[in-house]
């Protein structure tokens, strides 16, 4: 009798623990994120996958199942997508070698405990919170045909006539890189500052006593100790750069002649109402989005494999 009573009490206590107030509070707190995942992530993915096998212009009555035709068209006919994807990689390869070393150097400087550096930290982060529309307007005025850069260069006698920077792919892409670096280096500086704050000061003191110079300390102590965080920062930077599209829309909109179109802007003009034409095959845009996701996932997997080896080495 006693054993059965204990069993009932144990079951009751388990149920009580399962539906405790703490569990309910936690469920309520994470429910917005879970609901947001299903509504804004999972459902759009399922929708895009389903539409990628159809000819779809936004009118349900005209929807027609085409199988893999949309994917075949992208691989065989749609040169615009592959050009845009190549520009995304060019943009990333041009941006990261500038942005990350710059962010690290600035983090090393402002991490030192000197007066005025607190204000400098705020100033470094300030471009990150500026609207991308404002950033596009600023750099358009700077590099336009009659902008400030041409005016200054002419006054210095470095050029005899204004240069149309947006008329050539190379110069237009470089302006996009400069604008994007200016807008986003602040957040990477903050990340590096957090990583540097976790390096014990005693390590630097020991290195100084052993006669280690600035470069030896940087490459033999600082970088190895922040290697795990550096790997994460680099992954975030690669992912963010590959998915850049807003700065392109606001600064060049693909000019000249679509030569600075990137994968994100290409997809926007294929799928999103207001950007895509009313007769655009949204199904082909969805297929391109799926291919894009697979390519970026492959980049992330390759990077994860390589970075894990580097982190283990250090």
Protein backbone atom coordinates (compact mmCIF):
# COMPACT_ATOMS: atom_id res chain seq x y z
CA UNK A 1 0.00 0.00 0.00
CA UNK A 2 2.80 2.34 0.94
CA UNK A 3 4.73 1.55 -2.27
CA UNK A 4 1.70 2.34 -4.45
CA UNK A 5 1.14 5.60 -2.56
CA UNK A 6 4.77 6.56 -3.11
CA UNK A 7 4.47 5.78 -6.82
CA UNK A 8 1.41 8.02 -7.15
CA UNK A 9 3.19 10.79 -5.24
CA UNK A 10 6.27 10.44 -7.47
CA UNK A 11 4.15 10.74 -10.65
CA UNK A 12 2.34 13.73 -9.20
CA UNK A 13 5.63 15.41 -8.30
CA UNK A 14 6.97 14.78 -11.82
CA UNK A 15 3.87 16.38 -13.32
CA UNK A 16 4.20 19.24 -10.89
CA UNK A 17 7.83 19.76 -11.82
CA UNK A 18 7.03 19.56 -15.53
CA UNK A 19 4.38 22.26 -15.28
CA UNK A 20 6.26 24.41 -12.80
CA UNK A 21 6.02 28.18 -12.91
CA UNK A 22 9.64 28.42 -14.02
CA UNK A 23 8.97 26.18 -17.04
CA UNK A 24 5.92 28.20 -18.04
CA UNK A 25 7.87 31.47 -17.75
CA UNK A 26 10.69 30.08 -19.89
CA UNK A 27 8.23 28.83 -22.51
CA UNK A 28 6.52 32.21 -22.67
CA UNK A 29 9.87 34.00 -23.00
CA UNK A 30 11.14 31.86 -25.88
CA UNK A 31 7.77 31.56 -27.64
CA UNK A 32 8.22 34.80 -29.69
CA UNK A 33 11.49 33.46 -31.10
CA UNK A 34 9.94 30.06 -31.85
CA UNK A 35 6.87 31.62 -33.47
CA UNK A 36 9.11 33.99 -35.43
CA UNK A 37 11.21 31.04 -36.66
CA UNK A 38 8.16 29.18 -37.97
CA UNK A 39 6.47 32.26 -39.47
CA UNK A 40 9.45 34.21 -40.87
CA UNK A 41 12.00 31.45 -41.55
CA UNK A 42 10.56 27.96 -41.92
CA UNK A 43 7.36 28.91 -43.78
CA UNK A 44 9.18 31.14 -46.36
CA UNK A 45 11.69 28.34 -46.99
CA UNK A 46 8.91 25.80 -47.58
CA UNK A 47 7.05 28.32 -49.78
CA UNK A 48 10.18 29.06 -51.85
CA UNK A 49 10.96 25.37 -52.32
CA UNK A 50 7.40 24.64 -53.45
CA UNK A 51 7.34 27.56 -55.90
CA UNK A 52 10.77 26.70 -57.35
CA UNK A 53 9.17 23.78 -59.21
CA UNK A 54 6.48 25.98 -60.76
CA UNK A 55 6.12 28.73 -63.31
CA UNK A 56 4.68 31.39 -61.01
CA UNK A 57 4.15 35.11 -61.64
CA UNK A 58 2.13 35.86 -58.51
CA UNK A 59 -1.20 34.91 -60.12
CA UNK A 60 -2.41 31.56 -58.83
CA UNK A 61 -4.51 30.83 -61.92
CA UNK A 62 -1.39 31.05 -64.11
CA UNK A 63 0.72 28.78 -61.91
CA UNK A 64 2.02 25.77 -63.79
CA UNK A 65 4.21 22.89 -62.57
CA UNK A 66 7.48 22.76 -64.56
CA UNK A 67 9.58 20.38 -62.47
CA UNK A 68 13.30 21.15 -62.62
CA UNK A 69 13.00 23.57 -65.53
CA UNK A 70 13.66 26.64 -63.39
CA UNK A 71 16.89 25.12 -62.05
CA UNK A 72 17.95 24.06 -65.57
CA UNK A 73 17.34 27.60 -66.85
CA UNK A 74 19.56 29.07 -64.13
CA UNK A 75 22.42 26.71 -64.93
CA UNK A 76 22.12 26.97 -68.71
CA UNK A 77 20.53 30.31 -69.59
CA UNK A 78 20.60 32.73 -66.64
CA UNK A 79 24.05 34.31 -66.96
CA UNK A 80 22.84 37.24 -64.87
CA UNK A 81 22.65 35.15 -61.71
CA UNK A 82 26.17 33.75 -62.03
CA UNK A 83 27.57 37.21 -62.79
CA UNK A 84 25.82 38.57 -59.69
CA UNK A 85 27.07 35.66 -57.57
CA UNK A 86 30.61 36.25 -58.83
CA UNK A 87 30.29 39.92 -57.89
CA UNK A 88 29.24 38.89 -54.38
CA UNK A 89 32.46 36.91 -54.00
CA UNK A 90 34.53 39.73 -55.54
CA UNK A 91 32.93 42.18 -53.12
CA UNK A 92 33.68 39.87 -50.17
CA UNK A 93 37.28 39.22 -51.23
CA UNK A 94 37.85 42.95 -51.69
CA UNK A 95 36.18 44.02 -48.45
CA UNK A 96 37.40 41.61 -45.77
CA UNK A 97 41.19 42.12 -46.22
CA UNK A 98 40.55 45.82 -45.58
CA UNK A 99 37.86 45.69 -42.92
CA UNK A 100 39.12 43.03 -40.50
CA UNK A 101 42.76 44.23 -40.18
CA UNK A 102 41.45 47.79 -39.80
CA UNK A 103 39.00 46.71 -37.10
CA UNK A 104 41.69 44.73 -35.26
CA UNK A 105 44.19 47.62 -35.33
CA UNK A 106 41.59 50.07 -34.05
CA UNK A 107 40.54 47.61 -31.34
CA UNK A 108 44.16 47.28 -30.21
CA UNK A 109 44.43 51.07 -29.99
CA UNK A 110 41.16 51.94 -28.25
CA UNK A 111 41.38 48.97 -25.87
CA UNK A 112 44.19 50.76 -24.06
CA UNK A 113 43.11 52.62 -20.95
CA UNK A 114 43.67 56.23 -21.94
CA UNK A 115 41.48 59.28 -21.64
CA UNK A 116 39.39 60.05 -24.64
CA UNK A 117 39.28 56.46 -25.89
CA UNK A 118 35.76 55.94 -24.52
CA UNK A 119 34.50 58.68 -26.83
CA UNK A 120 36.56 57.15 -29.66
CA UNK A 121 34.80 53.82 -29.17
CA UNK A 122 31.42 55.51 -29.57
CA UNK A 123 32.66 57.31 -32.67
CA UNK A 124 33.91 54.08 -34.24
CA UNK A 125 30.53 52.43 -33.77
CA UNK A 126 28.54 55.43 -34.99
CA UNK A 127 28.63 54.57 -38.75
CA UNK A 128 27.04 51.20 -37.98
CA UNK A 129 23.81 52.79 -36.74
CA UNK A 130 23.47 55.21 -39.65
CA UNK A 131 20.77 54.33 -42.17
CA UNK A 132 22.10 52.65 -45.29
CA UNK A 133 20.11 55.19 -47.33
CA UNK A 134 22.12 58.01 -45.75
CA UNK A 135 25.37 56.09 -46.37
CA UNK A 136 24.43 55.72 -50.04
CA UNK A 137 23.62 59.43 -50.30
CA UNK A 138 26.91 60.44 -48.65
CA UNK A 139 29.09 58.31 -50.90
CA UNK A 140 27.12 59.25 -54.00
CA UNK A 141 27.84 62.93 -53.25
CA UNK A 142 31.48 62.15 -52.54
CA UNK A 143 32.17 60.20 -55.74
CA UNK A 144 29.70 61.69 -58.22
CA UNK A 145 30.98 63.37 -61.39
CA UNK A 146 30.82 66.80 -59.75
CA UNK A 147 31.32 65.50 -56.21
CA UNK A 148 33.79 66.41 -53.48
CA UNK A 149 36.46 63.85 -54.42
CA UNK A 150 36.76 65.11 -58.00
CA UNK A 151 36.71 68.71 -56.79
CA UNK A 152 39.53 68.12 -54.30
CA UNK A 153 41.65 66.15 -56.80
CA UNK A 154 41.26 68.89 -59.41
CA UNK A 155 42.24 71.61 -56.94
CA UNK A 156 45.34 69.60 -55.97
CA UNK A 157 46.19 69.23 -59.66
CA UNK A 158 46.08 65.44 -59.54
CA UNK A 159 43.47 65.19 -62.31
CA UNK A 160 42.67 67.53 -65.18
CA UNK A 161 39.02 66.51 -65.64
CA UNK A 162 36.40 64.91 -63.38
CA UNK A 163 36.27 61.12 -63.30
CA UNK A 164 32.97 59.26 -63.67
CA UNK A 165 33.61 56.59 -61.02
CA UNK A 166 30.23 54.92 -61.50
CA UNK A 167 30.76 54.42 -65.24
CA UNK A 168 33.21 51.54 -64.78
CA UNK A 169 32.75 48.27 -62.90
CA UNK A 170 36.12 48.34 -61.13
CA UNK A 171 35.79 51.84 -59.68
CA UNK A 172 32.09 51.39 -58.86
CA UNK A 173 32.81 48.13 -57.04
CA UNK A 174 35.66 49.79 -55.13
CA UNK A 175 33.33 52.58 -53.99
CA UNK A 176 30.84 49.96 -52.79
CA UNK A 177 33.62 48.25 -50.82
CA UNK A 178 34.79 51.52 -49.25
CA UNK A 179 31.22 52.49 -48.29
CA UNK A 180 30.49 49.07 -46.82
CA UNK A 181 33.76 49.00 -44.86
CA UNK A 182 33.00 52.45 -43.43
CA UNK A 183 29.53 51.32 -42.39
CA UNK A 184 30.39 47.96 -40.80
CA UNK A 185 33.96 48.08 -39.44
CA UNK A 186 32.68 49.50 -36.13
CA UNK A 187 30.81 46.35 -35.11
CA UNK A 188 33.87 44.19 -35.85
CA UNK A 189 35.98 46.60 -33.79
CA UNK A 190 33.62 45.98 -30.85
CA UNK A 191 33.91 42.21 -31.34
CA UNK A 192 37.70 42.42 -31.32
CA UNK A 193 37.66 44.62 -28.22
CA UNK A 194 35.62 41.99 -26.36
CA UNK A 195 38.05 39.28 -27.47
CA UNK A 196 41.08 41.33 -26.40
CA UNK A 197 39.50 42.04 -23.01
CA UNK A 198 39.64 38.29 -22.26
CA UNK A 199 43.40 38.06 -22.79
CA UNK A 200 45.12 38.03 -19.36
CA UNK A 201 47.26 41.09 -18.76
CA UNK A 202 49.87 38.89 -17.05
CA UNK A 203 50.67 37.26 -20.40
CA UNK A 204 51.63 40.62 -21.90
CA UNK A 205 53.69 41.51 -18.84
CA UNK A 206 55.59 38.22 -19.09
CA UNK A 207 56.21 38.76 -22.80
CA UNK A 208 57.48 42.28 -22.11
CA UNK A 209 59.91 40.95 -19.47
CA UNK A 210 61.17 38.41 -22.00
CA UNK A 211 61.88 41.21 -24.45
CA UNK A 212 59.08 40.49 -26.93
CA UNK A 213 58.39 43.36 -29.31
CA UNK A 214 55.07 44.64 -30.61
CA UNK A 215 54.88 42.36 -33.65
CA UNK A 216 56.03 39.28 -31.75
CA UNK A 217 53.43 39.94 -29.07
CA UNK A 218 50.73 40.39 -31.70
CA UNK A 219 51.49 37.27 -33.75
CA UNK A 220 52.73 34.96 -31.00
CA UNK A 221 50.39 35.90 -28.15
CA UNK A 222 47.40 38.05 -29.09
CA UNK A 223 46.26 36.33 -32.29
CA UNK A 224 46.66 32.76 -30.97
CA UNK A 225 44.74 33.60 -27.78
CA UNK A 226 41.84 35.22 -29.64
CA UNK A 227 41.86 32.64 -32.47
CA UNK A 228 38.48 31.04 -31.53
CA UNK A 229 36.76 34.44 -31.43
CA UNK A 230 38.59 35.55 -34.58
CA UNK A 231 37.24 32.48 -36.40
CA UNK A 232 33.68 33.44 -35.41
CA UNK A 233 34.18 37.09 -36.39
CA UNK A 234 35.53 36.06 -39.78
CA UNK A 235 32.59 33.68 -40.37
CA UNK A 236 30.09 36.44 -39.53
CA UNK A 237 31.97 38.87 -41.77
CA UNK A 238 31.99 36.43 -44.71
CA UNK A 239 28.31 35.67 -44.29
CA UNK A 240 27.37 39.34 -43.98
CA UNK A 241 29.48 40.40 -46.96
CA UNK A 242 28.13 37.67 -49.24
CA UNK A 243 24.57 38.70 -48.38
CA UNK A 244 25.18 42.43 -48.85
CA UNK A 245 22.54 44.04 -51.03
CA UNK A 246 21.15 47.18 -49.42
CA UNK A 247 24.28 49.29 -49.98
CA UNK A 248 24.34 48.22 -53.65
CA UNK A 249 20.68 49.19 -54.13
CA UNK A 250 21.22 52.59 -52.55
CA UNK A 251 24.58 53.44 -54.13
CA UNK A 252 24.74 51.96 -57.64
CA UNK A 253 21.61 49.82 -58.10
CA UNK A 254 23.75 47.53 -60.22
CA UNK A 255 25.24 50.28 -62.42
CA UNK A 256 26.93 50.45 -64.80
CA UNK A 257 24.59 48.27 -66.85
CA UNK A 258 24.09 45.70 -64.10
CA UNK A 259 27.83 45.03 -63.76
CA UNK A 260 27.81 45.62 -59.98
CA UNK A 261 24.69 43.53 -59.39
CA UNK A 262 25.21 41.09 -56.51
CA UNK A 263 23.31 37.91 -55.69
CA UNK A 264 21.03 39.58 -53.14
CA UNK A 265 19.94 42.40 -55.47
CA UNK A 266 19.46 39.89 -58.31
CA UNK A 267 17.11 37.85 -56.13
CA UNK A 268 15.25 40.96 -54.96
CA UNK A 269 14.56 41.93 -58.55
CA UNK A 270 13.40 38.39 -59.32
CA UNK A 271 11.15 37.74 -56.31
CA UNK A 272 10.20 40.79 -54.23
CA UNK A 273 7.12 42.79 -55.32
CA UNK A 274 8.07 46.37 -56.09
CA UNK A 275 11.47 45.27 -57.36
CA UNK A 276 10.46 42.39 -59.65
CA UNK A 277 8.45 43.11 -62.77
CA UNK A 278 4.83 41.94 -62.87
CA UNK A 279 5.70 39.33 -65.52
CA UNK A 280 8.77 37.96 -63.73
CA UNK A 281 8.88 34.22 -63.12
CA UNK A 282 9.03 34.19 -59.32
CA UNK A 283 9.50 30.41 -59.42
CA UNK A 284 12.86 30.87 -61.18
CA UNK A 285 13.81 33.44 -58.56
CA UNK A 286 12.97 30.93 -55.82
CA UNK A 287 15.13 28.33 -57.55
CA UNK A 288 17.99 30.85 -57.67
CA UNK A 289 17.49 31.54 -53.96
CA UNK A 290 17.77 27.82 -53.16
CA UNK A 291 20.95 27.51 -55.24
CA UNK A 292 22.28 30.62 -53.51
CA UNK A 293 21.58 29.11 -50.08
CA UNK A 294 23.36 25.88 -51.07
CA UNK A 295 26.42 27.80 -52.31
CA UNK A 296 26.65 29.88 -49.14
CA UNK A 297 26.13 26.80 -46.96
CA UNK A 298 28.98 25.11 -48.81
CA UNK A 299 31.21 28.14 -48.16
CA UNK A 300 30.29 28.04 -44.46
CA UNK A 301 31.03 24.30 -44.21
CA UNK A 302 34.41 24.64 -45.93
CA UNK A 303 35.29 27.58 -43.71
CA UNK A 304 34.23 25.71 -40.56
CA UNK A 305 36.48 22.79 -41.48
CA UNK A 306 39.47 25.03 -42.17
CA UNK A 307 38.96 27.30 -39.16
CA UNK A 308 38.60 24.35 -36.75
CA UNK A 309 42.03 23.12 -37.83
CA UNK A 310 43.54 26.57 -37.25
CA UNK A 311 41.94 26.90 -33.82
CA UNK A 312 43.14 23.43 -32.82
CA UNK A 313 46.63 24.33 -34.02
CA UNK A 314 46.72 27.32 -31.69
